Amino acid sequence: MRRTPEEWWREEKAALARGFRVIGGVDEAGRGPLAGPVVAACVVLPFGCGLPGVRDSKTLSPDQRQRAYDRILERAQAIGVGMAHAEAIDRMNVLRAGHEAMRQAVASCAILPDVALLDGLPVHPFPVPQIALVKGDSRSISVAAASIVAKVVRDRYMVEQHALWPQYGFDSHKGYSTPEHLARLREHGPCPLHRRSFAPVAEAAGLVLLPLETDRRAETGASGEQVVAAHLQALGWRILAQRFRTQGGEVDLVAEEGGTLVFVEVKARRSRSHGQPAESVDARKRARIVLAAHAWMAEHRALDRPCRFDVAEVRFQPDGAAALNLLRGAFFAGE
């Protein structure tokens, strides 16, 4: 649905009414690919400026996106870009790496915003005050501009990398999981651009275990959540919340697969542990998860949406690798 200029500037106008004067739109591109960085952009626009053709990057063709990008460069007061590369994604998971890229993008702006309009959920910590907007790239002209800049910068980067790694065809698929990319990955194995914590990379390379580069001193449960979050992102799921807590209840991950909300309990153990991790999800634990799920859905006005409860088992090996097993529909509310 096309938005009028007044509608496109509504979020910026609301921020001005709250006393903010320099408003930056922030968005990222590249969470889903198997290779390459997550790229974030922060764009500060003069209020009310005309930007025909600028809208959510995902709705634009490459030619339309390039023309919009050129207009943004001409009219923006400041633009900042941040990148989180594969090594950081494997170390901290793709969600947190995207957050780090967003922080870099804001910090690199020649004009530091008074407030940032973020696409999606809040990011903590953050260098400036923030206003999180669900589907912000379709609600705010500043966020839409940032989505375009992030996408164009990332695509150009992957084309440049094609010169170094021509055997993978990065100039065509930009690192996404296409049949061509997977076939070349199987033939040549991963290169430094590939996200080794993403299951398709490991599987396509003939690996059984999902590598995890992490501080071995890190607590097992937290590391397990990172592995599972990265794996679900690679499968195309959206991570909506991590470690959600409410009075009397808790759940490790809240995700979305298609139109279904999925509440994921992560059970992780070192290889020397006995028994199956999922065995510890007893009736009392299930009740706490269900309570947390109900609280999250009520808070987000999602009580009418379909949901299910999964258990993700992660077993760490002595070399730091992790084997993962996802049990879909592991239990039902009321069991």
Protein backbone atom coordinates (compact mmCIF):
# COMPACT_ATOMS: atom_id res chain seq x y z
CA MET A 1 0.00 0.00 0.00
CA ARG A 2 1.40 3.37 -1.06
CA ARG A 3 1.71 5.94 1.71
CA THR A 4 1.18 9.68 1.39
CA PRO A 5 4.07 12.05 2.26
CA GLU A 6 2.24 13.00 5.44
CA GLU A 7 1.96 9.35 6.46
CA TRP A 8 5.63 8.70 5.69
CA TRP A 9 6.72 11.52 8.02
CA ARG A 10 4.27 10.72 10.85
CA GLU A 11 6.81 8.96 13.09
CA GLU A 12 9.37 11.72 12.59
CA LYS A 13 6.73 14.36 13.35
CA ALA A 14 5.83 12.53 16.57
CA ALA A 15 9.50 12.48 17.59
CA LEU A 16 9.77 16.21 16.94
CA ALA A 17 6.72 16.79 19.13
CA ARG A 18 8.57 15.01 21.95
CA GLY A 19 11.40 17.52 21.72
CA PHE A 20 13.89 15.62 19.54
CA ARG A 21 15.50 17.64 16.75
CA VAL A 22 17.91 15.31 14.94
CA ILE A 23 16.17 12.07 14.00
CA GLY A 24 17.97 9.09 12.53
CA GLY A 25 16.30 6.11 10.90
CA VAL A 26 18.12 2.81 11.53
CA ASP A 27 17.70 -0.53 9.77
CA GLU A 28 19.83 -3.51 8.79
CA ALA A 29 20.14 -5.93 5.90
CA GLY A 30 21.59 -9.41 5.66
CA ARG A 31 20.45 -11.45 8.65
CA GLY A 32 19.34 -14.38 6.52
CA PRO A 33 22.23 -15.08 4.11
CA LEU A 34 24.73 -17.89 4.60
CA ALA A 35 27.67 -15.63 3.79
CA GLY A 36 28.72 -12.03 4.16
CA PRO A 37 28.10 -9.39 6.82
CA VAL A 38 25.03 -7.95 8.43
CA VAL A 39 25.02 -4.30 7.35
CA ALA A 40 23.18 -1.52 9.19
CA ALA A 41 22.61 2.08 8.19
CA CYS A 42 21.57 5.24 10.01
CA VAL A 43 20.09 8.03 7.86
CA VAL A 44 19.35 11.57 9.04
CA LEU A 45 17.01 13.42 6.66
CA PRO A 46 15.94 17.07 6.63
CA PHE A 47 12.35 17.00 7.87
CA GLY A 48 9.79 16.96 5.08
CA CYS A 49 12.23 16.58 2.19
CA GLY A 50 10.86 14.93 -0.93
CA LEU A 51 12.18 11.44 -1.66
CA PRO A 52 10.10 9.92 -4.46
CA GLY A 53 10.61 6.21 -4.88
CA VAL A 54 11.83 5.66 -1.33
CA ARG A 55 9.99 2.91 0.53
CA ASP A 56 10.76 -0.41 2.21
CA SER A 57 13.82 -1.80 0.40
CA LYS A 58 12.24 -5.27 0.11
CA THR A 59 9.50 -3.88 -2.16
CA LEU A 60 11.93 -2.34 -4.67
CA SER A 61 13.60 -3.85 -7.71
CA PRO A 62 17.41 -3.48 -7.90
CA ASP A 63 17.09 -0.58 -10.36
CA GLN A 64 14.48 1.17 -8.23
CA ARG A 65 16.60 0.64 -5.13
CA GLN A 66 19.67 2.13 -6.83
CA ARG A 67 17.76 5.23 -7.94
CA ALA A 68 16.33 5.66 -4.45
CA TYR A 69 19.82 5.22 -2.97
CA ASP A 70 21.18 7.99 -5.19
CA ARG A 71 18.39 10.35 -4.07
CA ILE A 72 19.08 9.55 -0.43
CA LEU A 73 22.79 10.36 -0.86
CA GLU A 74 21.88 13.69 -2.45
CA ARG A 75 19.45 14.81 0.26
CA ALA A 76 20.48 13.19 3.53
CA GLN A 77 22.11 15.36 6.18
CA ALA A 78 24.17 12.42 7.45
CA ILE A 79 24.57 8.70 6.79
CA GLY A 80 26.37 6.15 8.93
CA VAL A 81 27.07 2.50 8.09
CA GLY A 82 28.06 -0.40 10.34
CA MET A 83 29.04 -3.99 9.51
CA ALA A 84 29.22 -7.21 11.51
CA HIS A 85 31.13 -9.87 9.63
CA ALA A 86 30.83 -13.65 9.69
CA GLU A 87 33.31 -14.06 12.55
CA ALA A 88 31.22 -11.80 14.79
CA ILE A 89 28.00 -13.50 13.71
CA ASP A 90 29.42 -16.91 14.62
CA ARG A 91 30.71 -15.62 17.93
CA MET A 92 27.67 -13.74 19.23
CA ASN A 93 24.77 -14.93 16.97
CA VAL A 94 23.25 -13.03 14.07
CA LEU A 95 20.70 -11.10 16.16
CA ARG A 96 23.33 -9.61 18.46
CA ALA A 97 25.67 -9.01 15.54
CA GLY A 98 22.92 -7.03 13.83
CA HIS A 99 22.52 -4.96 16.98
CA GLU A 100 26.24 -4.27 17.01
CA ALA A 101 26.09 -3.13 13.37
CA MET A 102 23.24 -0.76 14.28
CA ARG A 103 25.30 0.74 17.10
CA GLN A 104 28.22 1.21 14.71
CA ALA A 105 25.98 2.88 12.13
CA VAL A 106 24.69 5.46 14.61
CA ALA A 107 28.15 6.13 16.05
CA SER A 108 29.61 6.68 12.55
CA CYS A 109 27.06 9.36 11.60
CA ALA A 110 28.70 12.76 11.02
CA ILE A 111 25.68 14.23 12.84
CA LEU A 112 24.80 12.18 15.91
CA PRO A 113 21.00 11.80 16.15
CA ASP A 114 19.08 12.95 19.21
CA VAL A 115 16.93 9.86 18.76
CA ALA A 116 16.96 6.78 16.54
CA LEU A 117 13.88 5.25 14.95
CA LEU A 118 14.67 1.51 14.87
CA ASP A 119 13.06 -1.09 12.68
CA GLY A 120 11.85 -3.91 14.92
CA LEU A 121 12.41 -4.39 18.63
CA PRO A 122 14.49 -2.27 21.04
CA VAL A 123 18.26 -2.72 21.12
CA HIS A 124 20.17 -2.58 24.41
CA PRO A 125 22.58 -0.98 25.00
CA PHE A 126 22.29 1.79 22.40
CA PRO A 127 24.29 5.03 22.01
CA VAL A 128 21.27 7.38 21.75
CA PRO A 129 17.61 7.30 22.83
CA GLN A 130 15.56 5.00 20.61
CA ILE A 131 12.01 4.48 19.43
CA ALA A 132 11.42 0.92 18.21
CA LEU A 133 8.90 0.58 15.38
CA VAL A 134 7.55 -2.82 14.36
CA LYS A 135 7.67 -2.86 10.54
CA GLY A 136 9.37 0.51 10.76
CA ASP A 137 10.62 0.34 7.18
CA SER A 138 7.00 0.59 6.01
CA ARG A 139 6.04 3.32 8.53
CA SER A 140 8.95 5.78 8.61
CA ILE A 141 10.67 7.48 5.67
CA SER A 142 13.93 7.63 7.66
CA VAL A 143 13.87 3.90 8.43
CA ALA A 144 12.92 3.09 4.82
CA ALA A 145 15.88 5.17 3.64
CA ALA A 146 18.15 3.29 6.04
CA SER A 147 16.87 -0.05 4.75
CA ILE A 148 17.76 0.98 1.20
CA VAL A 149 21.24 2.21 2.12
CA ALA A 150 21.98 -0.96 4.12
CA LYS A 151 20.82 -3.21 1.28
CA VAL A 152 22.73 -1.37 -1.47
CA VAL A 153 25.94 -1.18 0.57
CA ARG A 154 25.73 -4.88 1.40
CA ASP A 155 25.03 -5.93 -2.19
CA ARG A 156 27.98 -3.86 -3.43
CA TYR A 157 30.23 -5.42 -0.83
CA MET A 158 29.26 -8.93 -1.93
CA VAL A 159 29.92 -8.04 -5.59
CA GLU A 160 33.38 -6.83 -4.56
CA GLN A 161 33.98 -10.08 -2.68
CA HIS A 162 33.12 -12.02 -5.83
CA ALA A 163 36.46 -10.89 -7.26
CA LEU A 164 38.22 -12.63 -4.37
CA TRP A 165 35.99 -15.72 -4.26
CA PRO A 166 34.58 -16.14 -7.80
CA GLN A 167 33.85 -19.85 -7.31
CA TYR A 168 30.82 -19.07 -5.12
CA GLY A 169 28.95 -16.63 -7.37
CA PHE A 170 28.47 -13.96 -4.70
CA ASP A 171 27.80 -11.36 -7.41
CA SER A 172 24.49 -13.05 -8.25
CA HIS A 173 23.03 -14.43 -5.01
CA LYS A 174 24.79 -12.04 -2.55
CA GLY A 175 25.32 -14.89 -0.08
CA TYR A 176 21.70 -16.02 0.19
CA SER A 177 20.73 -19.69 0.27
CA THR A 178 20.02 -20.32 -3.41
CA PRO A 179 20.39 -23.70 -5.14
CA GLU A 180 23.39 -22.29 -7.02
CA HIS A 181 25.06 -21.14 -3.81
CA LEU A 182 24.46 -24.42 -2.00
CA ALA A 183 25.82 -26.41 -4.93
CA ARG A 184 29.01 -24.36 -5.03
CA LEU A 185 29.34 -24.55 -1.27
CA ARG A 186 29.19 -28.35 -1.44
CA GLU A 187 31.79 -28.36 -4.20
CA HIS A 188 34.30 -25.92 -2.68
CA GLY A 189 33.52 -25.91 1.04
CA PRO A 190 33.08 -22.68 3.04
CA CYS A 191 35.30 -19.62 2.67
CA PRO A 192 35.98 -16.94 5.34
CA LEU A 193 32.82 -15.09 4.32
CA HIS A 194 30.58 -18.02 5.29
CA ARG A 195 28.74 -18.11 8.59
CA ARG A 196 29.88 -21.38 10.06
CA SER A 197 27.29 -21.22 12.85
CA PHE A 198 24.51 -21.48 10.23
CA ALA A 199 23.33 -25.05 9.86
CA PRO A 200 23.06 -25.01 6.04
CA VAL A 201 26.74 -24.07 5.77
CA ALA A 202 27.77 -26.93 8.03
CA GLU A 203 25.42 -29.39 6.33
CA ALA A 204 26.39 -28.36 2.81
CA ALA A 205 30.06 -28.73 3.75
CA GLY A 206 29.39 -32.29 4.92
CA LEU A 207 29.74 -31.49 8.62
CA VAL A 208 27.66 -33.14 11.32
CA LEU A 209 28.29 -30.61 14.05
CA LEU A 210 27.41 -26.94 14.17
CA PRO A 211 30.63 -25.03 15.00
CA LEU A 212 30.47 -22.51 17.81
CA GLU A 213 33.23 -19.97 18.32
CA THR A 214 32.67 -18.71 21.83
CA ASP A 215 34.47 -18.05 25.07
CA ARG A 216 34.77 -21.48 26.68
CA ARG A 217 34.21 -19.84 30.05
CA ALA A 218 30.76 -18.69 28.97
CA GLU A 219 27.84 -20.25 30.76
CA THR A 220 26.55 -23.30 28.88
CA GLY A 221 22.92 -22.23 28.80
CA ALA A 222 23.65 -18.79 27.35
CA SER A 223 25.94 -20.32 24.71
CA GLY A 224 23.22 -22.82 23.83
CA GLU A 225 20.73 -20.02 23.30
CA GLN A 226 23.17 -18.34 20.89
CA VAL A 227 23.57 -21.54 18.88
CA VAL A 228 19.81 -22.11 18.68
CA ALA A 229 19.03 -18.48 17.80
CA ALA A 230 21.56 -18.55 14.95
CA HIS A 231 20.21 -21.88 13.71
CA LEU A 232 16.60 -20.67 13.71
CA GLN A 233 17.60 -17.48 11.90
CA ALA A 234 19.29 -19.62 9.26
CA LEU A 235 16.04 -21.55 8.83
CA GLY A 236 14.24 -18.28 8.13
CA TRP A 237 12.61 -17.84 11.54
CA ARG A 238 12.34 -14.43 13.20
CA ILE A 239 13.69 -14.09 16.74
CA LEU A 240 11.25 -11.85 18.62
CA ALA A 241 12.66 -12.06 22.16
CA GLN A 242 15.34 -13.79 24.18
CA ARG A 243 15.18 -14.73 27.85
CA PHE A 244 11.67 -13.39 28.35
CA ARG A 245 10.78 -13.30 32.03
CA THR A 246 7.54 -12.60 33.85
CA GLN A 247 6.31 -13.25 37.36
CA GLY A 248 6.27 -17.03 37.78
CA GLY A 249 7.33 -17.80 34.22
CA GLU A 250 10.22 -17.70 31.78
CA VAL A 251 11.09 -18.81 28.27
CA ASP A 252 14.45 -18.79 26.50
CA LEU A 253 13.42 -17.76 22.97
CA VAL A 254 10.30 -16.35 21.36
CA ALA A 255 10.36 -16.88 17.62
CA GLU A 256 8.06 -16.81 14.60
CA GLU A 257 7.95 -19.50 11.94
CA GLY A 258 5.63 -18.45 9.17
CA GLY A 259 2.53 -17.22 10.98
CA THR A 260 3.09 -19.34 14.09
CA LEU A 261 4.59 -18.07 17.34
CA VAL A 262 7.08 -20.57 18.74
CA PHE A 263 8.22 -20.58 22.36
CA VAL A 264 11.53 -22.40 22.56
CA GLU A 265 13.09 -23.91 25.65
CA VAL A 266 16.83 -24.42 25.19
CA LYS A 267 18.48 -27.27 27.08
CA ALA A 268 22.25 -27.40 26.73
CA ARG A 269 24.85 -29.69 28.24
CA ARG A 270 28.49 -30.55 27.86
CA SER A 271 29.22 -33.89 26.21
CA ARG A 272 30.20 -35.53 29.48
CA SER A 273 26.71 -34.94 30.94
CA HIS A 274 24.37 -37.92 31.24
CA GLY A 275 20.79 -38.16 30.04
CA GLN A 276 18.93 -36.19 27.40
CA PRO A 277 18.68 -32.40 27.89
CA ALA A 278 14.95 -32.41 27.10
CA GLU A 279 14.31 -34.79 30.00
CA SER A 280 14.66 -31.88 32.43
CA VAL A 281 11.62 -30.10 30.93
CA ASP A 282 9.24 -31.51 33.52
CA ALA A 283 5.64 -30.53 34.25
CA ARG A 284 6.67 -27.68 36.54
CA LYS A 285 9.04 -26.26 33.93
CA ARG A 286 6.42 -26.60 31.20
CA ALA A 287 3.94 -24.67 33.33
CA ARG A 288 6.46 -21.81 33.72
CA ILE A 289 7.03 -21.73 29.97
CA VAL A 290 3.29 -21.67 29.23
CA LEU A 291 2.79 -18.86 31.76
CA ALA A 292 5.55 -16.81 30.16
CA ALA A 293 4.13 -17.49 26.69
CA HIS A 294 0.69 -16.27 27.74
CA ALA A 295 2.22 -13.13 29.27
CA TRP A 296 4.25 -12.39 26.12
CA MET A 297 1.24 -12.87 23.85
CA ALA A 298 -0.93 -10.66 26.07
CA GLU A 299 1.74 -7.97 26.13
CA HIS A 300 1.97 -8.02 22.34
CA ARG A 301 -1.78 -8.39 21.70
CA ALA A 302 -1.22 -11.78 20.09
CA LEU A 303 -3.50 -14.02 22.15
CA ASP A 304 -5.46 -14.99 19.04
CA ARG A 305 -2.38 -16.17 17.12
CA PRO A 306 -1.45 -19.85 16.73
CA CYS A 307 1.51 -20.95 18.84
CA ARG A 308 3.45 -24.04 19.81
CA PHE A 309 6.15 -25.10 22.24
CA ASP A 310 9.49 -26.50 21.03
CA VAL A 311 12.51 -27.81 22.88
CA ALA A 312 15.98 -27.32 21.39
CA GLU A 313 18.67 -29.70 22.62
CA VAL A 314 22.28 -28.54 22.35
CA ARG A 315 25.16 -30.80 23.31
CA PHE A 316 28.62 -29.23 23.39
CA GLN A 317 31.69 -31.21 22.47
CA PRO A 318 35.19 -30.80 24.00
CA ASP A 319 36.40 -28.96 20.87
CA GLY A 320 33.73 -26.26 21.26
CA ALA A 321 31.44 -27.58 18.53
CA ALA A 322 27.76 -28.14 19.22
CA ALA A 323 25.25 -30.73 18.05
CA LEU A 324 21.70 -29.44 17.86
CA ASN A 325 18.34 -31.23 17.78
CA LEU A 326 15.07 -29.29 17.51
CA LEU A 327 11.96 -31.01 18.89
CA ARG A 328 8.97 -29.31 17.29
CA GLY A 329 5.74 -29.40 19.28
CA ALA A 330 7.55 -30.99 22.21
CA PHE A 331 4.57 -30.40 24.51
CA PHE A 332 1.20 -28.66 24.64
CA ALA A 333 -0.25 -26.12 27.05
CA GLY A 334 -1.93 -27.86 29.96
CA GLU A 335 0.15 -31.06 29.79
